[in-house]
Amino acid sequence: LDGAAGFLASTRQHLHRHPELSFEEAETAALVAGHL
């Protein structure tokens, strides 16, 4: 997983910049579904 470290850090930091409360996770869910 060493080669994925940069992608993972940038993804985590993006999610941290754009947090969503319980029952409001529309943007987070869209990002997750898009990658998958």
Full PDB file with SEQRES, HELIX, SHEET, SSBOND, CRYST1, ORIGX, SCALE, CONECT and MASTER records, all heavy atoms in Angstrom:
SEQRES   1 A   36  LEU ASP GLY ALA ALA GLY PHE LEU ALA SER THR ARG GLN          
SEQRES   2 A   36  HIS LEU HIS ARG HIS PRO GLU LEU SER PHE GLU GLU ALA          
SEQRES   3 A   36  GLU THR ALA ALA LEU VAL ALA GLY HIS LEU                      
HELIX    1 AA1 ASP A    2  ALA A    4  5                                   3    
HELIX    2 AA2 ALA A    5  ARG A   17  1                                  13    
HELIX    3 AA3 ALA A   26  HIS A   35  1                                  10    
CRYST1    1.000    1.000    1.000  90.00  90.00  90.00 P 1           1          
ORIGX1      1.000000  0.000000  0.000000        0.00000                         
ORIGX2      0.000000  1.000000  0.000000        0.00000                         
ORIGX3      0.000000  0.000000  1.000000        0.00000                         
SCALE1      1.000000  0.000000  0.000000        0.00000                         
SCALE2      0.000000  1.000000  0.000000        0.00000                         
SCALE3      0.000000  0.000000  1.000000        0.00000                         
ATOM      1  N   LEU A   1       0.805  -1.221   0.000  1.00  0.00           N  
ATOM      2  CA  LEU A   1       0.000   0.000   0.000  1.00  0.00           C  
ATOM      3  C   LEU A   1       0.837   1.269   0.000  1.00  0.00           C  
ATOM      4  O   LEU A   1       0.286   2.381   0.013  1.00  0.00           O  
ATOM      5  CB  LEU A   1      -0.936   0.006   1.205  1.00  0.00           C  
ATOM      6  CG  LEU A   1      -2.311  -0.657   1.054  1.00  0.00           C  
ATOM      7  CD1 LEU A   1      -3.174   0.109   0.065  1.00  0.00           C  
ATOM      8  CD2 LEU A   1      -2.215  -2.120   0.686  1.00  0.00           C  
ATOM      9  N   ASP A   2       2.160   1.132  -0.051  1.00  0.00           N  
ATOM     10  CA  ASP A   2       3.011   2.322  -0.022  1.00  0.00           C  
ATOM     11  C   ASP A   2       2.691   3.283  -1.168  1.00  0.00           C  
ATOM     12  O   ASP A   2       2.679   4.499  -0.984  1.00  0.00           O  
ATOM     13  CB  ASP A   2       4.488   1.928  -0.101  1.00  0.00           C  
ATOM     14  CG  ASP A   2       5.001   1.347   1.218  1.00  0.00           C  
ATOM     15  OD1 ASP A   2       4.273   1.435   2.225  1.00  0.00           O  
ATOM     16  OD2 ASP A   2       6.122   0.795   1.219  1.00  0.00           O  
ATOM     17  N   GLY A   3       2.430   2.720  -2.328  1.00  0.00           N  
ATOM     18  CA  GLY A   3       2.151   3.571  -3.486  1.00  0.00           C  
ATOM     19  C   GLY A   3       0.847   4.336  -3.380  1.00  0.00           C  
ATOM     20  O   GLY A   3       0.622   5.309  -4.112  1.00  0.00           O  
ATOM     21  N   ALA A   4      -0.030   3.926  -2.467  1.00  0.00           N  
ATOM     22  CA  ALA A   4      -1.326   4.587  -2.306  1.00  0.00           C  
ATOM     23  C   ALA A   4      -1.305   5.651  -1.218  1.00  0.00           C  
ATOM     24  O   ALA A   4      -2.319   6.324  -0.997  1.00  0.00           O  
ATOM     25  CB  ALA A   4      -2.394   3.548  -1.975  1.00  0.00           C  
ATOM     26  N   ALA A   5      -0.162   5.833  -0.539  1.00  0.00           N  
ATOM     27  CA  ALA A   5      -0.110   6.723   0.622  1.00  0.00           C  
ATOM     28  C   ALA A   5      -0.536   8.147   0.279  1.00  0.00           C  
ATOM     29  O   ALA A   5      -1.281   8.784   1.034  1.00  0.00           O  
ATOM     30  CB  ALA A   5       1.290   6.710   1.226  1.00  0.00           C  
ATOM     31  N   GLY A   6      -0.075   8.664  -0.849  1.00  0.00           N  
ATOM     32  CA  GLY A   6      -0.417  10.033  -1.239  1.00  0.00           C  
ATOM     33  C   GLY A   6      -1.905  10.201  -1.496  1.00  0.00           C  
ATOM     34  O   GLY A   6      -2.524  11.172  -1.044  1.00  0.00           O  
ATOM     35  N   PHE A   7      -2.474   9.257  -2.237  1.00  0.00           N  
ATOM     36  CA  PHE A   7      -3.914   9.306  -2.519  1.00  0.00           C  
ATOM     37  C   PHE A   7      -4.724   9.227  -1.237  1.00  0.00           C  
ATOM     38  O   PHE A   7      -5.703   9.966  -1.046  1.00  0.00           O  
ATOM     39  CB  PHE A   7      -4.303   8.167  -3.454  1.00  0.00           C  
ATOM     40  CG  PHE A   7      -5.780   7.912  -3.534  1.00  0.00           C  
ATOM     41  CD1 PHE A   7      -6.620   8.766  -4.230  1.00  0.00           C  
ATOM     42  CD2 PHE A   7      -6.343   6.809  -2.887  1.00  0.00           C  
ATOM     43  CE1 PHE A   7      -7.994   8.530  -4.284  1.00  0.00           C  
ATOM     44  CE2 PHE A   7      -7.714   6.569  -2.935  1.00  0.00           C  
ATOM     45  CZ  PHE A   7      -8.534   7.434  -3.642  1.00  0.00           C  
ATOM     46  N   LEU A   8      -4.329   8.333  -0.333  1.00  0.00           N  
ATOM     47  CA  LEU A   8      -5.071   8.167   0.907  1.00  0.00           C  
ATOM     48  C   LEU A   8      -4.999   9.428   1.765  1.00  0.00           C  
ATOM     49  O   LEU A   8      -6.013   9.864   2.334  1.00  0.00           O  
ATOM     50  CB  LEU A   8      -4.546   6.957   1.682  1.00  0.00           C  
ATOM     51  CG  LEU A   8      -4.745   5.588   1.017  1.00  0.00           C  
ATOM     52  CD1 LEU A   8      -4.153   4.490   1.888  1.00  0.00           C  
ATOM     53  CD2 LEU A   8      -6.212   5.316   0.740  1.00  0.00           C  
ATOM     54  N   ALA A   9      -3.827  10.021   1.868  1.00  0.00           N  
ATOM     55  CA  ALA A   9      -3.688  11.240   2.678  1.00  0.00           C  
ATOM     56  C   ALA A   9      -4.520  12.379   2.102  1.00  0.00           C  
ATOM     57  O   ALA A   9      -5.205  13.102   2.836  1.00  0.00           O  
ATOM     58  CB  ALA A   9      -2.218  11.642   2.780  1.00  0.00           C  
ATOM     59  N   SER A  10      -4.465  12.557   0.789  1.00  0.00           N  
ATOM     60  CA  SER A  10      -5.232  13.647   0.182  1.00  0.00           C  
ATOM     61  C   SER A  10      -6.734  13.409   0.312  1.00  0.00           C  
ATOM     62  O   SER A  10      -7.511  14.352   0.524  1.00  0.00           O  
ATOM     63  CB  SER A  10      -4.849  13.814  -1.298  1.00  0.00           C  
ATOM     64  OG  SER A  10      -5.196  12.656  -2.047  1.00  0.00           O  
ATOM     65  N   THR A  11      -7.162  12.156   0.217  1.00  0.00           N  
ATOM     66  CA  THR A  11      -8.580  11.836   0.377  1.00  0.00           C  
ATOM     67  C   THR A  11      -9.025  12.093   1.803  1.00  0.00           C  
ATOM     68  O   THR A  11     -10.075  12.721   2.041  1.00  0.00           O  
ATOM     69  CB  THR A  11      -8.842  10.364   0.010  1.00  0.00           C  
ATOM     70  OG1 THR A  11      -8.483  10.135  -1.351  1.00  0.00           O  
ATOM     71  CG2 THR A  11     -10.312  10.010   0.204  1.00  0.00           C  
ATOM     72  N   ARG A  12      -8.247  11.650   2.771  1.00  0.00           N  
ATOM     73  CA  ARG A  12      -8.597  11.853   4.176  1.00  0.00           C  
ATOM     74  C   ARG A  12      -8.668  13.342   4.499  1.00  0.00           C  
ATOM     75  O   ARG A  12      -9.601  13.817   5.170  1.00  0.00           O  
ATOM     76  CB  ARG A  12      -7.566  11.155   5.061  1.00  0.00           C  
ATOM     77  CG  ARG A  12      -8.044  10.831   6.478  1.00  0.00           C  
ATOM     78  CD  ARG A  12      -8.118  11.989   7.430  1.00  0.00           C  
ATOM     79  NE  ARG A  12      -6.840  12.654   7.618  1.00  0.00           N  
ATOM     80  CZ  ARG A  12      -6.667  13.690   8.404  1.00  0.00           C  
ATOM     81  NH1 ARG A  12      -7.686  14.227   9.062  1.00  0.00           N  
ATOM     82  NH2 ARG A  12      -5.478  14.268   8.513  1.00  0.00           N  
ATOM     83  N   GLN A  13      -7.715  14.101   3.996  1.00  0.00           N  
ATOM     84  CA  GLN A  13      -7.700  15.531   4.285  1.00  0.00           C  
ATOM     85  C   GLN A  13      -8.851  16.255   3.596  1.00  0.00           C  
ATOM     86  O   GLN A  13      -9.409  17.219   4.141  1.00  0.00           O  
ATOM     87  CB  GLN A  13      -6.350  16.118   3.877  1.00  0.00           C  
ATOM     88  CG  GLN A  13      -5.212  15.637   4.769  1.00  0.00           C  
ATOM     89  CD  GLN A  13      -3.833  15.928   4.224  1.00  0.00           C  
ATOM     90  OE1 GLN A  13      -3.672  16.772   3.341  1.00  0.00           O  
ATOM     91  NE2 GLN A  13      -2.825  15.235   4.743  1.00  0.00           N  
ATOM     92  N   HIS A  14      -9.254  15.799   2.421  1.00  0.00           N  
ATOM     93  CA  HIS A  14     -10.433  16.365   1.762  1.00  0.00           C  
ATOM     94  C   HIS A  14     -11.682  16.122   2.617  1.00  0.00           C  
ATOM     95  O   HIS A  14     -12.498  17.041   2.816  1.00  0.00           O  
ATOM     96  CB  HIS A  14     -10.617  15.751   0.373  1.00  0.00           C  
ATOM     97  CG  HIS A  14     -11.906  16.157  -0.281  1.00  0.00           C  
ATOM     98  ND1 HIS A  14     -12.025  17.314  -1.022  1.00  0.00           N  
ATOM     99  CD2 HIS A  14     -13.142  15.567  -0.283  1.00  0.00           C  
ATOM    100  CE1 HIS A  14     -13.277  17.426  -1.454  1.00  0.00           C  
ATOM    101  NE2 HIS A  14     -13.967  16.380  -1.022  1.00  0.00           N  
ATOM    102  N   LEU A  15     -11.837  14.909   3.102  1.00  0.00           N  
ATOM    103  CA  LEU A  15     -12.990  14.602   3.946  1.00  0.00           C  
ATOM    104  C   LEU A  15     -12.956  15.420   5.231  1.00  0.00           C  
ATOM    105  O   LEU A  15     -14.008  15.861   5.723  1.00  0.00           O  
ATOM    106  CB  LEU A  15     -13.020  13.111   4.281  1.00  0.00           C  
ATOM    107  CG  LEU A  15     -13.300  12.160   3.112  1.00  0.00           C  
ATOM    108  CD1 LEU A  15     -13.146  10.716   3.553  1.00  0.00           C  
ATOM    109  CD2 LEU A  15     -14.692  12.392   2.535  1.00  0.00           C  
ATOM    110  N   HIS A  16     -11.758  15.650   5.755  1.00  0.00           N  
ATOM    111  CA  HIS A  16     -11.649  16.447   6.974  1.00  0.00           C  
ATOM    112  C   HIS A  16     -12.046  17.901   6.715  1.00  0.00           C  
ATOM    113  O   HIS A  16     -12.663  18.542   7.580  1.00  0.00           O  
ATOM    114  CB  HIS A  16     -10.221  16.387   7.523  1.00  0.00           C  
ATOM    115  CG  HIS A  16     -10.113  16.893   8.930  1.00  0.00           C  
ATOM    116  ND1 HIS A  16     -10.238  16.092  10.029  1.00  0.00           N  
ATOM    117  CD2 HIS A  16      -9.912  18.147   9.417  1.00  0.00           C  
ATOM    118  CE1 HIS A  16     -10.108  16.803  11.139  1.00  0.00           C  
ATOM    119  NE2 HIS A  16      -9.909  18.061  10.794  1.00  0.00           N  
ATOM    120  N   ARG A  17     -11.699  18.418   5.561  1.00  0.00           N  
ATOM    121  CA  ARG A  17     -12.069  19.797   5.221  1.00  0.00           C  
ATOM    122  C   ARG A  17     -13.565  19.960   5.034  1.00  0.00           C  
ATOM    123  O   ARG A  17     -14.109  21.049   5.211  1.00  0.00           O  
ATOM    124  CB  ARG A  17     -11.357  20.239   3.931  1.00  0.00           C  
ATOM    125  CG  ARG A  17      -9.926  20.696   4.116  1.00  0.00           C  
ATOM    126  CD  ARG A  17      -9.425  21.412   2.884  1.00  0.00           C  
ATOM    127  NE  ARG A  17      -9.416  20.546   1.714  1.00  0.00           N  
ATOM    128  CZ  ARG A  17      -8.385  19.817   1.321  1.00  0.00           C  
ATOM    129  NH1 ARG A  17      -7.264  19.836   2.026  1.00  0.00           N  
ATOM    130  NH2 ARG A  17      -8.458  19.069   0.240  1.00  0.00           N  
ATOM    131  N   HIS A  18     -14.235  18.865   4.643  1.00  0.00           N  
ATOM    132  CA  HIS A  18     -15.659  18.947   4.296  1.00  0.00           C  
ATOM    133  C   HIS A  18     -16.469  17.950   5.132  1.00  0.00           C  
ATOM    134  O   HIS A  18     -17.078  17.020   4.595  1.00  0.00           O  
ATOM    135  CB  HIS A  18     -15.839  18.671   2.807  1.00  0.00           C  
ATOM    136  CG  HIS A  18     -15.025  19.568   1.928  1.00  0.00           C  
ATOM    137  ND1 HIS A  18     -15.374  20.871   1.663  1.00  0.00           N  
ATOM    138  CD2 HIS A  18     -13.846  19.349   1.276  1.00  0.00           C  
ATOM    139  CE1 HIS A  18     -14.471  21.424   0.867  1.00  0.00           C  
ATOM    140  NE2 HIS A  18     -13.537  20.529   0.621  1.00  0.00           N  
ATOM    141  N   PRO A  19     -16.501  18.125   6.444  1.00  0.00           N  
ATOM    142  CA  PRO A  19     -17.221  17.179   7.311  1.00  0.00           C  
ATOM    143  C   PRO A  19     -18.728  17.358   7.190  1.00  0.00           C  
ATOM    144  O   PRO A  19     -19.229  18.447   6.879  1.00  0.00           O  
ATOM    145  CB  PRO A  19     -16.740  17.568   8.708  1.00  0.00           C  
ATOM    146  CG  PRO A  19     -16.477  19.044   8.605  1.00  0.00           C  
ATOM    147  CD  PRO A  19     -15.932  19.248   7.210  1.00  0.00           C  
ATOM    148  N   GLU A  20     -19.452  16.268   7.453  1.00  0.00           N  
ATOM    149  CA  GLU A  20     -20.910  16.311   7.430  1.00  0.00           C  
ATOM    150  C   GLU A  20     -21.454  15.592   8.656  1.00  0.00           C  
ATOM    151  O   GLU A  20     -20.969  14.519   9.031  1.00  0.00           O  
ATOM    152  CB  GLU A  20     -21.446  15.657   6.156  1.00  0.00           C  
ATOM    153  CG  GLU A  20     -21.057  16.411   4.886  1.00  0.00           C  
ATOM    154  CD  GLU A  20     -21.500  15.688   3.620  1.00  0.00           C  
ATOM    155  OE1 GLU A  20     -20.987  14.581   3.373  1.00  0.00           O  
ATOM    156  OE2 GLU A  20     -22.338  16.242   2.901  1.00  0.00           O  
ATOM    157  N   LEU A  21     -22.470  16.188   9.254  1.00  0.00           N  
ATOM    158  CA  LEU A  21     -23.072  15.623  10.462  1.00  0.00           C  
ATOM    159  C   LEU A  21     -23.866  14.358  10.152  1.00  0.00           C  
ATOM    160  O   LEU A  21     -24.140  14.048   8.989  1.00  0.00           O  
ATOM    161  CB  LEU A  21     -23.979  16.662  11.114  1.00  0.00           C  
ATOM    162  CG  LEU A  21     -23.300  17.917  11.667  1.00  0.00           C  
ATOM    163  CD1 LEU A  21     -24.350  18.923  12.114  1.00  0.00           C  
ATOM    164  CD2 LEU A  21     -22.359  17.575  12.823  1.00  0.00           C  
ATOM    165  N   SER A  22     -24.250  13.652  11.201  1.00  0.00           N  
ATOM    166  CA  SER A  22     -25.089  12.466  11.059  1.00  0.00           C  
ATOM    167  C   SER A  22     -26.338  12.799  10.251  1.00  0.00           C  
ATOM    168  O   SER A  22     -26.971  13.842  10.464  1.00  0.00           O  
ATOM    169  CB  SER A  22     -25.501  11.941  12.437  1.00  0.00           C  
ATOM    170  OG  SER A  22     -24.383  11.520  13.182  1.00  0.00           O  
ATOM    171  N   PHE A  23     -26.677  11.894   9.334  1.00  0.00           N  
ATOM    172  CA  PHE A  23     -27.848  11.989   8.454  1.00  0.00           C  
ATOM    173  C   PHE A  23     -27.693  13.053   7.363  1.00  0.00           C  
ATOM    174  O   PHE A  23     -28.628  13.296   6.608  1.00  0.00           O  
ATOM    175  CB  PHE A  23     -29.140  12.253   9.252  1.00  0.00           C  
ATOM    176  CG  PHE A  23     -29.349  11.316  10.396  1.00  0.00           C  
ATOM    177  CD1 PHE A  23     -29.312  11.772  11.706  1.00  0.00           C  
ATOM    178  CD2 PHE A  23     -29.551   9.959  10.180  1.00  0.00           C  
ATOM    179  CE1 PHE A  23     -29.487  10.908  12.779  1.00  0.00           C  
ATOM    180  CE2 PHE A  23     -29.730   9.082  11.241  1.00  0.00           C  
ATOM    181  CZ  PHE A  23     -29.697   9.563  12.534  1.00  0.00           C  
ATOM    182  N   GLU A  24     -26.503  13.686   7.263  1.00  0.00           N  
ATOM    183  CA  GLU A  24     -26.276  14.721   6.256  1.00  0.00           C  
ATOM    184  C   GLU A  24     -25.094  14.391   5.344  1.00  0.00           C  
ATOM    185  O   GLU A  24     -24.571  15.261   4.648  1.00  0.00           O  
ATOM    186  CB  GLU A  24     -26.025  16.066   6.946  1.00  0.00           C  
ATOM    187  CG  GLU A  24     -27.189  16.553   7.799  1.00  0.00           C  
ATOM    188  CD  GLU A  24     -26.885  17.852   8.542  1.00  0.00           C  
ATOM    189  OE1 GLU A  24     -25.809  18.441   8.282  1.00  0.00           O  
ATOM    190  OE2 GLU A  24     -27.717  18.278   9.358  1.00  0.00           O  
ATOM    191  N   GLU A  25     -24.692  13.139   5.262  1.00  0.00           N  
ATOM    192  CA  GLU A  25     -23.425  12.748   4.624  1.00  0.00           C  
ATOM    193  C   GLU A  25     -23.526  12.602   3.105  1.00  0.00           C  
ATOM    194  O   GLU A  25     -22.891  11.727   2.508  1.00  0.00           O  
ATOM    195  CB  GLU A  25     -22.914  11.436   5.237  1.00  0.00           C  
ATOM    196  CG  GLU A  25     -22.863  11.407   6.756  1.00  0.00           C  
ATOM    197  CD  GLU A  25     -24.143  10.871   7.385  1.00  0.00           C  
ATOM    198  OE1 GLU A  25     -25.186  10.901   6.696  1.00  0.00           O  
ATOM    199  OE2 GLU A  25     -24.104  10.416   8.537  1.00  0.00           O  
ATOM    200  N   ALA A  26     -24.293  13.456   2.435  1.00  0.00           N  
ATOM    201  CA  ALA A  26     -24.541  13.311   0.998  1.00  0.00           C  
ATOM    202  C   ALA A  26     -23.261  13.457   0.184  1.00  0.00           C  
ATOM    203  O   ALA A  26     -22.993  12.651  -0.732  1.00  0.00           O  
ATOM    204  CB  ALA A  26     -25.584  14.329   0.539  1.00  0.00           C  
ATOM    205  N   GLU A  27     -22.450  14.474   0.464  1.00  0.00           N  
ATOM    206  CA  GLU A  27     -21.229  14.698  -0.300  1.00  0.00           C  
ATOM    207  C   GLU A  27     -20.211  13.591  -0.045  1.00  0.00           C  
ATOM    208  O   GLU A  27     -19.539  13.125  -0.972  1.00  0.00           O  
ATOM    209  CB  GLU A  27     -20.630  16.055   0.047  1.00  0.00           C  
ATOM    210  CG  GLU A  27     -21.472  17.242  -0.397  1.00  0.00           C  
ATOM    211  CD  GLU A  27     -20.853  18.568   0.011  1.00  0.00           C  
ATOM    212  OE1 GLU A  27     -19.662  18.572   0.412  1.00  0.00           O  
ATOM    213  OE2 GLU A  27     -21.552  19.600  -0.059  1.00  0.00           O  
ATOM    214  N   THR A  28     -20.096  13.186   1.200  1.00  0.00           N  
ATOM    215  CA  THR A  28     -19.167  12.101   1.532  1.00  0.00           C  
ATOM    216  C   THR A  28     -19.576  10.818   0.815  1.00  0.00           C  
ATOM    217  O   THR A  28     -18.729  10.117   0.234  1.00  0.00           O  
ATOM    218  CB  THR A  28     -19.130  11.878   3.045  1.00  0.00           C  
ATOM    219  OG1 THR A  28     -18.769  13.093   3.704  1.00  0.00           O  
ATOM    220  CG2 THR A  28     -18.138  10.792   3.411  1.00  0.00           C  
ATOM    221  N   ALA A  29     -20.854  10.505   0.854  1.00  0.00           N  
ATOM    222  CA  ALA A  29     -21.348   9.294   0.196  1.00  0.00           C  
ATOM    223  C   ALA A  29     -21.110   9.347  -1.307  1.00  0.00           C  
ATOM    224  O   ALA A  29     -20.754   8.334  -1.924  1.00  0.00           O  
ATOM    225  CB  ALA A  29     -22.831   9.106   0.488  1.00  0.00           C  
ATOM    226  N   ALA A  30     -21.280  10.514  -1.903  1.00  0.00           N  
ATOM    227  CA  ALA A  30     -21.064  10.655  -3.344  1.00  0.00           C  
ATOM    228  C   ALA A  30     -19.595  10.436  -3.697  1.00  0.00           C  
ATOM    229  O   ALA A  30     -19.269   9.781  -4.695  1.00  0.00           O  
ATOM    230  CB  ALA A  30     -21.527  12.031  -3.812  1.00  0.00           C  
ATOM    231  N   LEU A  31     -18.698  10.976  -2.874  1.00  0.00           N  
ATOM    232  CA  LEU A  31     -17.261  10.773  -3.125  1.00  0.00           C  
ATOM    233  C   LEU A  31     -16.907   9.290  -3.023  1.00  0.00           C  
ATOM    234  O   LEU A  31     -16.203   8.740  -3.886  1.00  0.00           O  
ATOM    235  CB  LEU A  31     -16.450  11.590  -2.118  1.00  0.00           C  
ATOM    236  CG  LEU A  31     -14.924  11.513  -2.229  1.00  0.00           C  
ATOM    237  CD1 LEU A  31     -14.294  12.851  -1.812  1.00  0.00           C  
ATOM    238  CD2 LEU A  31     -14.343  10.397  -1.350  1.00  0.00           C  
ATOM    239  N   VAL A  32     -17.400   8.648  -1.973  1.00  0.00           N  
ATOM    240  CA  VAL A  32     -17.126   7.226  -1.760  1.00  0.00           C  
ATOM    241  C   VAL A  32     -17.661   6.402  -2.928  1.00  0.00           C  
ATOM    242  O   VAL A  32     -16.953   5.563  -3.508  1.00  0.00           O  
ATOM    243  CB  VAL A  32     -17.743   6.764  -0.433  1.00  0.00           C  
ATOM    244  CG1 VAL A  32     -17.762   5.237  -0.340  1.00  0.00           C  
ATOM    245  CG2 VAL A  32     -16.976   7.348   0.756  1.00  0.00           C  
ATOM    246  N   ALA A  33     -18.919   6.625  -3.288  1.00  0.00           N  
ATOM    247  CA  ALA A  33     -19.537   5.850  -4.365  1.00  0.00           C  
ATOM    248  C   ALA A  33     -18.828   6.085  -5.688  1.00  0.00           C  
ATOM    249  O   ALA A  33     -18.677   5.150  -6.490  1.00  0.00           O  
ATOM    250  CB  ALA A  33     -21.016   6.220  -4.479  1.00  0.00           C  
ATOM    251  N   GLY A  34     -18.384   7.303  -5.925  1.00  0.00           N  
ATOM    252  CA  GLY A  34     -17.686   7.603  -7.172  1.00  0.00           C  
ATOM    253  C   GLY A  34     -16.398   6.820  -7.319  1.00  0.00           C  
ATOM    254  O   GLY A  34     -16.135   6.227  -8.374  1.00  0.00           O  
ATOM    255  N   HIS A  35     -15.587   6.798  -6.274  1.00  0.00           N  
ATOM    256  CA  HIS A  35     -14.336   6.032  -6.331  1.00  0.00           C  
ATOM    257  C   HIS A  35     -14.616   4.540  -6.503  1.00  0.00           C  
ATOM    258  O   HIS A  35     -13.967   3.865  -7.321  1.00  0.00           O  
ATOM    259  CB  HIS A  35     -13.525   6.258  -5.056  1.00  0.00           C  
ATOM    260  CG  HIS A  35     -12.798   7.562  -5.005  1.00  0.00           C  
ATOM    261  ND1 HIS A  35     -11.965   7.997  -6.019  1.00  0.00           N  
ATOM    262  CD2 HIS A  35     -12.764   8.527  -4.046  1.00  0.00           C  
ATOM    263  CE1 HIS A  35     -11.440   9.166  -5.700  1.00  0.00           C  
ATOM    264  NE2 HIS A  35     -11.910   9.511  -4.511  1.00  0.00           N  
ATOM    265  N   LEU A  36     -15.559   4.022  -5.743  1.00  0.00           N  
ATOM    266  CA  LEU A  36     -15.854   2.593  -5.810  1.00  0.00           C  
ATOM    267  C   LEU A  36     -16.314   2.187  -7.209  1.00  0.00           C  
ATOM    268  O   LEU A  36     -15.921   1.140  -7.729  1.00  0.00           O  
ATOM    269  CB  LEU A  36     -16.917   2.235  -4.776  1.00  0.00           C  
ATOM    270  CG  LEU A  36     -16.490   2.382  -3.311  1.00  0.00           C  
ATOM    271  CD1 LEU A  36     -17.706   2.334  -2.389  1.00  0.00           C  
ATOM    272  CD2 LEU A  36     -15.498   1.292  -2.919  1.00  0.00           C  
TER     273      LEU A  36                                                      
MASTER        0    0    0    3    0    0    0    6  272    1    0    3          
END                                                                             
